[in-house]
């Protein structure tokens, strides 16, 4: 393999094609079985230049055309495996105006690396070093840098079939796709769920609307996507948030993203231009354990009042210094102010009390709600004011923007005995 490529072209290809190898989804150990999850496969032909990365959860492929007009000149076709982090780190610091030449120098006899035992070359986990790739960067003023990395035989890397993608689900502008995930991210369980339910985002259809839904059981966040195109399936998808969020940040925001679902193989496919991504998603039993959006959207919540986002966020931030888990909200019917009181669970601090003007409250209410979750809702809301509604029997709350109704949040009351005597 021998080629010359503009640094900016190579860097873009690496940022997209190496996602599975440089992210935290690549396995951290050094066994042969996971060795390839931290590497990338470079393939140069007379027509295309491809970068691929794979892990047990995710497969990524990015291809670009070859030729002087595309910033890539292939002098000798070939394919190699390189360590992703090291190669990408070197390329990144070379500079946008640099031209990089890659040349493969093969060993006379490939060297078999046995990190977990076994010397059979046909073993699917055998790693064979086939030589080294010399990387030479040059600028117009003849400033250059030269380095080389060991490279490995791609023979044992799994071949991914991006052809059979099952049922096409929907197309969505990439910017809206990333925004939908951002809007519900705070409600997704921030650490891995042993049951692999709450660390996922659910994508559901309700009354022809497409909803992204996240919850950690204490707070729920929903976002109804705009500009959905070619919606062809109403199947519910339960997708690992860390994976789909990673992919959304890789996509070009000015283009469409296509989502397909292979239910038999529990795989989701995300495609944009020359980028193909496939990763594992929850099976049907796991998907059905996630609450349907209809359960909350069809529940009756009575409008309580309207509140200014910036003022409420500031007061809750102050209250969280006394109690960062729960605070007491108090409303009086027909009164145009609300009270927030935070009492220390450990008696370390004196109570923090705030008042702020609101639209007239339609009922009396004292409710203890999660302060951190409420702050996150206010941070995420695109509106200057929110409409706050309450469920009559449970005192659960619902928050909707005053002018934008596609971002909706729900939260349950908290039982904290320290507020019973307040």
Protein backbone atom coordinates (compact mmCIF):
# COMPACT_ATOMS: atom_id res chain seq x y z
CA UNK A 1 0.00 0.00 0.00
CA UNK A 2 1.32 3.42 -0.96
CA UNK A 3 -0.61 6.67 -1.14
CA UNK A 4 -0.51 10.41 -0.60
CA UNK A 5 -3.39 12.21 1.12
CA UNK A 6 -4.14 15.71 2.35
CA UNK A 7 -4.12 15.89 6.14
CA UNK A 8 -7.57 17.50 6.26
CA UNK A 9 -9.04 14.70 4.13
CA UNK A 10 -7.39 12.00 6.24
CA UNK A 11 -8.42 13.66 9.49
CA UNK A 12 -12.06 13.81 8.44
CA UNK A 13 -11.97 10.16 7.43
CA UNK A 14 -10.40 9.19 10.75
CA UNK A 15 -12.88 11.19 12.82
CA UNK A 16 -15.70 9.26 11.19
CA UNK A 17 -14.27 5.83 10.44
CA UNK A 18 -12.36 5.28 13.68
CA UNK A 19 -15.26 5.99 16.07
CA UNK A 20 -15.58 2.42 17.33
CA UNK A 21 -11.85 2.20 18.08
CA UNK A 22 -11.15 5.47 19.87
CA UNK A 23 -14.32 5.70 21.97
CA UNK A 24 -14.99 4.23 25.38
CA UNK A 25 -16.97 1.43 23.74
CA UNK A 26 -13.72 -0.21 22.62
CA UNK A 27 -12.71 -2.87 25.12
CA UNK A 28 -9.87 -1.79 27.43
CA UNK A 29 -8.03 -5.10 27.86
CA UNK A 30 -5.18 -6.38 25.71
CA UNK A 31 -6.35 -9.87 24.76
CA UNK A 32 -6.21 -11.08 21.17
CA UNK A 33 -10.03 -11.19 21.15
CA UNK A 34 -10.20 -7.44 21.74
CA UNK A 35 -6.93 -6.36 20.16
CA UNK A 36 -8.65 -5.36 16.94
CA UNK A 37 -11.24 -3.20 18.73
CA UNK A 38 -8.54 -0.58 19.28
CA UNK A 39 -7.27 -0.63 15.72
CA UNK A 40 -8.45 0.74 12.40
CA UNK A 41 -8.37 -0.87 8.99
CA UNK A 42 -7.13 1.27 6.10
CA UNK A 43 -7.90 0.10 2.59
CA UNK A 44 -6.78 1.88 -0.56
CA UNK A 45 -8.01 0.88 -4.02
CA UNK A 46 -7.97 2.64 -7.36
CA UNK A 47 -11.50 3.87 -6.68
CA UNK A 48 -11.91 4.29 -2.92
CA UNK A 49 -10.15 4.92 0.36
CA UNK A 50 -11.84 3.27 3.36
CA UNK A 51 -11.37 3.46 7.11
CA UNK A 52 -13.12 0.87 9.27
CA UNK A 53 -13.27 0.19 13.00
CA UNK A 54 -15.00 -2.53 14.97
CA UNK A 55 -15.77 -3.54 18.53
CA UNK A 56 -18.07 -6.14 20.02
CA UNK A 57 -20.86 -3.52 20.12
CA UNK A 58 -20.19 -1.29 17.15
CA UNK A 59 -18.99 -1.38 13.53
CA UNK A 60 -18.12 1.71 11.50
CA UNK A 61 -17.10 2.24 7.88
CA UNK A 62 -16.28 5.48 6.10
CA UNK A 63 -15.29 5.67 2.44
CA UNK A 64 -14.25 8.49 0.16
CA UNK A 65 -13.42 8.72 -3.51
CA UNK A 66 -9.85 8.64 -4.76
CA UNK A 67 -8.17 11.10 -7.10
CA UNK A 68 -6.36 14.43 -7.08
CA UNK A 69 -9.69 16.28 -6.93
CA UNK A 70 -10.46 14.44 -3.67
CA UNK A 71 -7.00 14.94 -2.14
CA UNK A 72 -5.97 11.28 -2.37
CA UNK A 73 -3.53 9.71 -4.81
CA UNK A 74 -3.16 5.93 -4.57
CA UNK A 75 0.11 4.66 -6.01
CA UNK A 76 -0.23 1.10 -4.74
CA UNK A 77 -3.43 -0.54 -3.50
CA UNK A 78 -3.48 -2.45 -0.23
CA UNK A 79 -5.01 -2.92 3.20
CA UNK A 80 -3.51 -2.80 6.70
CA UNK A 81 -4.47 -2.65 10.36
CA UNK A 82 -3.00 0.17 12.50
CA UNK A 83 -3.36 1.17 16.17
CA UNK A 84 -6.09 3.81 16.06
CA UNK A 85 -5.15 6.15 18.89
CA UNK A 86 -1.49 6.45 17.96
CA UNK A 87 -2.10 6.91 14.25
CA UNK A 88 -4.87 9.45 14.70
CA UNK A 89 -2.86 11.36 17.30
CA UNK A 90 0.07 11.75 14.90
CA UNK A 91 -2.11 12.79 11.97
CA UNK A 92 -3.95 15.38 14.06
CA UNK A 93 -0.85 17.40 14.92
CA UNK A 94 0.51 17.61 11.36
CA UNK A 95 -1.64 20.59 10.34
CA UNK A 96 -4.36 21.25 7.76
CA UNK A 97 -1.97 22.25 4.96
CA UNK A 98 0.12 19.09 5.22
CA UNK A 99 0.32 16.29 2.70
CA UNK A 100 0.84 12.86 4.26
CA UNK A 101 2.44 9.94 2.46
CA UNK A 102 1.76 6.43 3.74
CA UNK A 103 3.99 3.56 2.65
CA UNK A 104 3.74 -0.07 3.72
CA UNK A 105 7.00 -1.96 4.21
CA UNK A 106 6.29 -5.67 4.54
CA UNK A 107 8.23 -8.20 6.57
CA UNK A 108 9.61 -11.16 4.67
CA UNK A 109 7.82 -13.42 7.13
CA UNK A 110 4.83 -12.17 9.16
CA UNK A 111 5.36 -12.27 12.91
CA UNK A 112 2.70 -14.08 14.94
CA UNK A 113 1.80 -12.33 18.21
CA UNK A 114 0.30 -14.60 20.86
CA UNK A 115 -1.03 -12.58 23.78
CA UNK A 116 -3.44 -15.21 25.10
CA UNK A 117 -1.78 -18.44 24.03
CA UNK A 118 -2.28 -20.59 20.96
CA UNK A 119 -0.02 -20.59 17.90
CA UNK A 120 -2.43 -21.64 15.16
CA UNK A 121 -2.32 -19.08 12.35
CA UNK A 122 -5.88 -19.96 11.41
CA UNK A 123 -7.11 -19.12 14.90
CA UNK A 124 -9.53 -16.18 14.46
CA UNK A 125 -7.90 -14.31 17.31
CA UNK A 126 -4.29 -14.61 16.11
CA UNK A 127 -2.60 -11.25 15.48
CA UNK A 128 0.01 -11.21 12.73
CA UNK A 129 2.39 -8.28 12.33
CA UNK A 130 3.05 -7.93 8.60
CA UNK A 131 5.39 -4.93 8.66
CA UNK A 132 5.27 -1.22 9.32
CA UNK A 133 3.67 1.83 7.75
CA UNK A 134 5.93 4.82 7.31
CA UNK A 135 4.13 8.16 7.69
CA UNK A 136 5.80 11.19 6.15
CA UNK A 137 4.23 14.64 6.35
CA UNK A 138 5.30 17.61 4.24
CA UNK A 139 4.23 21.22 4.02
CA UNK A 140 4.71 23.64 1.11
CA UNK A 141 7.78 25.11 2.80
CA UNK A 142 9.29 21.59 3.01
CA UNK A 143 8.82 21.21 6.76
CA UNK A 144 8.30 17.53 7.45
CA UNK A 145 7.86 14.86 10.06
CA UNK A 146 8.49 11.13 9.73
CA UNK A 147 7.31 8.26 11.88
CA UNK A 148 6.36 4.62 11.49
CA UNK A 149 3.93 2.26 13.19
CA UNK A 150 3.74 -1.52 13.22
CA UNK A 151 0.84 -2.78 11.16
CA UNK A 152 -1.11 -6.01 11.17
CA UNK A 153 -2.77 -8.45 8.82
CA UNK A 154 -6.46 -7.62 8.27
CA UNK A 155 -7.20 -11.27 7.55
CA UNK A 156 -8.72 -11.96 10.97
CA UNK A 157 -10.82 -8.78 11.24
CA UNK A 158 -14.51 -9.57 10.94
CA UNK A 159 -16.22 -8.54 7.74
CA UNK A 160 -19.37 -6.53 8.36
CA UNK A 161 -22.34 -6.75 6.02
CA UNK A 162 -23.81 -3.27 5.74
CA UNK A 163 -26.08 -4.45 2.93
CA UNK A 164 -28.87 -6.20 4.83
CA UNK A 165 -30.19 -3.42 7.07
CA UNK A 166 -33.65 -4.82 7.73
CA UNK A 167 -36.54 -2.35 7.98
CA UNK A 168 -35.94 1.30 7.14
CA UNK A 169 -37.28 3.31 10.06
CA UNK A 170 -36.97 7.05 9.37
CA UNK A 171 -34.78 9.84 7.99
CA UNK A 172 -34.02 12.93 10.02
CA UNK A 173 -31.81 16.00 9.51
CA UNK A 174 -28.55 15.31 11.35
CA UNK A 175 -28.80 18.55 13.32
CA UNK A 176 -32.26 17.60 14.57
CA UNK A 177 -31.07 14.06 15.29
CA UNK A 178 -28.25 15.35 17.52
CA UNK A 179 -30.55 17.92 19.16
CA UNK A 180 -33.18 15.31 20.03
CA UNK A 181 -30.55 13.24 21.86
CA UNK A 182 -29.15 16.31 23.59
CA UNK A 183 -32.58 17.33 24.88
CA UNK A 184 -33.20 14.00 26.66
CA UNK A 185 -29.61 13.21 27.67
CA UNK A 186 -29.88 14.50 31.25
CA UNK A 187 -32.69 12.02 31.99
CA UNK A 188 -30.81 8.94 30.77
CA UNK A 189 -29.18 6.89 33.54
CA UNK A 190 -25.61 8.27 33.56
CA UNK A 191 -23.98 4.92 34.35
CA UNK A 192 -24.46 1.44 32.94
CA UNK A 193 -27.70 -0.26 33.91
CA UNK A 194 -27.16 -3.97 34.77
CA UNK A 195 -30.42 -4.72 32.96
CA UNK A 196 -29.45 -2.49 29.99
CA UNK A 197 -32.74 -0.60 30.06
CA UNK A 198 -32.32 2.81 31.65
CA UNK A 199 -28.96 3.60 30.02
CA UNK A 200 -30.79 3.55 26.70
CA UNK A 201 -32.82 6.10 24.79
CA UNK A 202 -36.19 4.94 23.51
CA UNK A 203 -37.37 6.05 20.07
CA UNK A 204 -41.15 5.68 19.82
CA UNK A 205 -44.07 6.62 17.61
CA UNK A 206 -47.18 8.22 19.10
CA UNK A 207 -49.97 9.62 16.95
CA UNK A 208 -47.61 9.78 13.96
CA UNK A 209 -45.07 11.79 15.97
CA UNK A 210 -41.53 10.52 16.51
CA UNK A 211 -40.40 10.79 20.15
CA UNK A 212 -37.01 10.41 21.77
CA UNK A 213 -37.48 9.38 25.40
CA UNK A 214 -35.05 9.03 28.30
CA UNK A 215 -35.63 8.29 31.98
CA UNK A 216 -33.79 7.24 35.13
CA UNK A 217 -37.18 6.53 36.84
CA UNK A 218 -37.04 9.82 38.79
CA UNK A 219 -37.39 12.13 35.81
CA UNK A 220 -38.56 11.58 32.23
CA UNK A 221 -37.62 13.73 29.25
CA UNK A 222 -39.29 13.54 25.84
CA UNK A 223 -38.52 15.31 22.62
CA UNK A 224 -40.83 15.22 19.60
CA UNK A 225 -38.64 15.39 16.52
CA UNK A 226 -39.29 17.95 13.81
CA UNK A 227 -38.79 17.46 10.06
CA UNK A 228 -39.05 13.66 10.11
CA UNK A 229 -38.73 12.31 6.58
CA UNK A 230 -39.54 8.93 5.03
CA UNK A 231 -40.97 7.46 8.20
CA UNK A 232 -41.70 3.85 7.29
CA UNK A 233 -41.95 2.01 10.61
CA UNK A 234 -43.67 2.51 13.96
CA UNK A 235 -41.49 -0.03 15.77
CA UNK A 236 -40.08 1.08 19.10
CA UNK A 237 -36.29 1.14 19.29
CA UNK A 238 -34.33 0.94 22.55
CA UNK A 239 -30.81 2.11 21.77
CA UNK A 240 -27.68 2.44 23.96
CA UNK A 241 -27.41 6.17 24.55
CA UNK A 242 -23.61 6.33 24.61
CA UNK A 243 -23.42 4.73 21.16
CA UNK A 244 -26.12 6.67 19.35
CA UNK A 245 -25.01 9.95 20.91
CA UNK A 246 -21.46 9.27 19.75
CA UNK A 247 -22.66 8.64 16.22
CA UNK A 248 -24.82 11.78 16.17
CA UNK A 249 -21.75 13.90 16.94
CA UNK A 250 -19.88 12.27 14.05
CA UNK A 251 -22.49 13.08 11.40
CA UNK A 252 -22.34 16.16 9.18
CA UNK A 253 -25.07 18.39 10.59
CA UNK A 254 -26.18 19.76 7.21
CA UNK A 255 -27.20 16.38 5.79
CA UNK A 256 -29.87 13.77 6.46
CA UNK A 257 -29.39 10.71 8.65
CA UNK A 258 -31.09 7.43 7.76
CA UNK A 259 -32.02 4.94 10.50
CA UNK A 260 -32.79 1.27 9.80
CA UNK A 261 -33.51 -1.59 12.17
CA UNK A 262 -32.79 -5.29 11.82
CA UNK A 263 -35.05 -6.78 14.50
CA UNK A 264 -33.96 -10.39 13.99
CA UNK A 265 -30.31 -9.53 14.66
CA UNK A 266 -31.00 -6.72 17.18
CA UNK A 267 -28.96 -4.27 15.12
CA UNK A 268 -29.53 -0.65 14.22
CA UNK A 269 -27.99 0.89 11.10
CA UNK A 270 -27.22 4.59 10.79
CA UNK A 271 -26.21 5.91 7.39
CA UNK A 272 -25.15 9.31 6.16
CA UNK A 273 -23.48 9.86 2.80
CA UNK A 274 -20.34 7.66 2.87
CA UNK A 275 -20.62 6.80 6.59
CA UNK A 276 -22.14 3.49 7.70
CA UNK A 277 -22.60 2.52 11.35
CA UNK A 278 -24.02 -0.66 12.84
CA UNK A 279 -24.39 -1.46 16.51
CA UNK A 280 -26.17 -3.73 18.95
CA UNK A 281 -29.47 -2.62 20.45
CA UNK A 282 -31.88 -4.08 23.01
CA UNK A 283 -33.93 -7.14 22.15
CA UNK A 284 -37.73 -7.19 22.08
CA UNK A 285 -38.11 -8.23 25.74
CA UNK A 286 -35.86 -5.41 26.92
CA UNK A 287 -37.57 -2.90 24.65
CA UNK A 288 -40.99 -3.76 26.07
CA UNK A 289 -39.77 -3.03 29.61
CA UNK A 290 -39.36 0.64 28.75
CA UNK A 291 -42.44 2.77 29.43
CA UNK A 292 -44.46 3.84 26.38
CA UNK A 293 -44.68 7.59 25.88
CA UNK A 294 -48.47 7.24 25.70
CA UNK A 295 -48.55 6.32 29.40
CA UNK A 296 -47.44 9.85 30.29
CA UNK A 297 -48.80 11.86 27.37
CA UNK A 298 -52.32 10.57 27.99
CA UNK A 299 -52.22 11.20 31.74
CA UNK A 300 -54.16 14.22 33.00
CA UNK A 301 -52.04 17.05 34.38
CA UNK A 302 -53.67 20.28 35.54
CA UNK A 303 -51.94 23.52 34.64
CA UNK A 304 -50.62 25.11 37.83
CA UNK A 305 -48.76 28.23 36.71
CA UNK A 306 -46.13 29.75 34.43
CA UNK A 307 -42.60 30.39 35.71
CA UNK A 308 -39.59 32.32 34.38
CA UNK A 309 -36.79 29.83 33.64
CA UNK A 310 -33.77 31.97 34.53
CA UNK A 311 -35.17 33.12 37.89
CA UNK A 312 -36.27 29.65 38.96
CA UNK A 313 -32.98 28.12 37.94
CA UNK A 314 -31.06 30.67 40.00
CA UNK A 315 -33.18 30.07 43.10
CA UNK A 316 -32.98 26.29 42.81
CA UNK A 317 -29.21 26.48 42.44
CA UNK A 318 -29.06 28.39 45.71
CA UNK A 319 -31.42 25.90 47.37
CA UNK A 320 -29.26 22.98 46.21
CA UNK A 321 -26.40 24.30 48.36
CA UNK A 322 -28.47 23.29 51.40
CA UNK A 323 -30.13 20.17 50.00
CA UNK A 324 -28.96 18.88 46.64
CA UNK A 325 -31.56 16.12 46.40
CA UNK A 326 -34.94 17.66 47.29
CA UNK A 327 -36.69 20.96 47.97
CA UNK A 328 -40.21 21.97 48.96
CA UNK A 329 -42.28 23.94 46.44
CA UNK A 330 -45.28 25.85 47.84
CA UNK A 331 -48.09 27.50 45.89
CA UNK A 332 -51.20 29.35 47.09
CA UNK A 333 -54.30 29.64 44.97
CA UNK A 334 -54.66 33.01 43.22
CA UNK A 335 -51.38 34.26 44.69
CA UNK A 336 -48.74 35.57 42.27
CA UNK A 337 -45.65 34.21 44.01
CA UNK A 338 -44.23 30.81 44.90
CA UNK A 339 -41.97 29.72 47.74
CA UNK A 340 -39.04 27.32 47.62
CA UNK A 341 -37.61 25.94 50.83
CA UNK A 342 -34.55 23.72 51.21
CA UNK A 343 -33.90 21.99 54.54
CA UNK A 344 -30.62 20.22 55.24
CA UNK A 345 -30.91 16.44 55.65
CA UNK A 346 -28.01 16.52 58.11
CA UNK A 347 -28.79 19.82 59.88
CA UNK A 348 -25.44 21.08 58.63
CA UNK A 349 -26.97 24.24 57.16
CA UNK A 350 -29.84 26.48 58.08
CA UNK A 351 -32.87 26.39 55.73
CA UNK A 352 -32.70 28.30 52.48
CA UNK A 353 -35.94 30.10 51.58
CA UNK A 354 -36.76 31.84 48.30
CA UNK A 355 -39.76 33.56 46.78
CA UNK A 356 -40.36 34.51 43.18
CA UNK A 357 -43.23 36.04 41.18
CA UNK A 358 -45.30 33.72 39.00
CA UNK A 359 -48.50 33.74 37.02
CA UNK A 360 -51.36 33.28 39.47
CA UNK A 361 -51.47 29.72 40.83
CA UNK A 362 -54.70 27.84 40.13
CA UNK A 363 -54.56 25.78 43.35
CA UNK A 364 -52.85 25.28 46.68
CA UNK A 365 -49.95 22.85 46.54
CA UNK A 366 -47.01 21.74 48.65
CA UNK A 367 -44.77 19.28 46.82
CA UNK A 368 -41.23 17.97 47.32
CA UNK A 369 -39.42 17.56 44.00
CA UNK A 370 -35.88 16.61 42.98
CA UNK A 371 -33.87 19.79 42.79
CA UNK A 372 -31.07 18.54 40.49
CA UNK A 373 -33.51 17.10 38.01
CA UNK A 374 -35.51 20.32 37.97
CA UNK A 375 -32.35 22.36 37.38
CA UNK A 376 -31.43 20.09 34.46
CA UNK A 377 -34.86 20.60 32.93
CA UNK A 378 -34.45 24.36 33.18
CA UNK A 379 -30.94 24.19 31.69
CA UNK A 380 -32.25 22.23 28.73
CA UNK A 381 -35.48 24.13 28.06
CA UNK A 382 -35.20 26.43 25.03
CA UNK A 383 -37.92 28.73 26.41
CA UNK A 384 -37.65 31.76 28.68
CA UNK A 385 -40.76 30.58 30.53
CA UNK A 386 -42.20 27.16 31.30
CA UNK A 387 -45.70 25.97 32.00
CA UNK A 388 -45.84 23.85 35.14
CA UNK A 389 -48.65 21.31 35.51
CA UNK A 390 -49.38 18.84 38.31
CA UNK A 391 -51.13 15.51 38.59
CA UNK A 392 -53.95 15.95 41.12
CA UNK A 393 -53.56 12.63 42.96
CA UNK A 394 -49.80 12.05 42.92
CA UNK A 395 -48.32 15.58 42.78
CA UNK A 396 -46.14 14.44 39.90
CA UNK A 397 -45.19 17.40 37.70
CA UNK A 398 -45.11 18.09 33.99
CA UNK A 399 -43.04 20.83 32.40
CA UNK A 400 -43.62 22.18 28.88
CA UNK A 401 -42.12 25.25 27.25
CA UNK A 402 -44.46 28.21 26.93
CA UNK A 403 -43.85 28.52 23.18
CA UNK A 404 -42.24 25.20 22.21
CA UNK A 405 -44.22 22.11 23.03
CA UNK A 406 -41.96 19.40 21.62
CA UNK A 407 -39.79 19.26 24.76
CA UNK A 408 -41.75 17.72 27.65
CA UNK A 409 -40.54 16.59 31.07
CA UNK A 410 -42.13 14.70 33.94
CA UNK A 411 -41.01 14.13 37.52
CA UNK A 412 -42.27 12.25 40.54
CA UNK A 413 -42.59 13.74 44.03
CA UNK A 414 -40.00 12.72 46.62
CA UNK A 415 -40.85 11.38 50.04
CA UNK A 416 -38.51 13.15 52.40
CA UNK A 417 -39.74 13.11 56.03
CA UNK A 418 -37.69 16.15 56.89
CA UNK A 419 -40.27 18.32 55.07
CA UNK A 420 -43.25 16.77 56.86
CA UNK A 421 -42.77 19.07 59.82
CA UNK A 422 -42.10 22.20 57.78
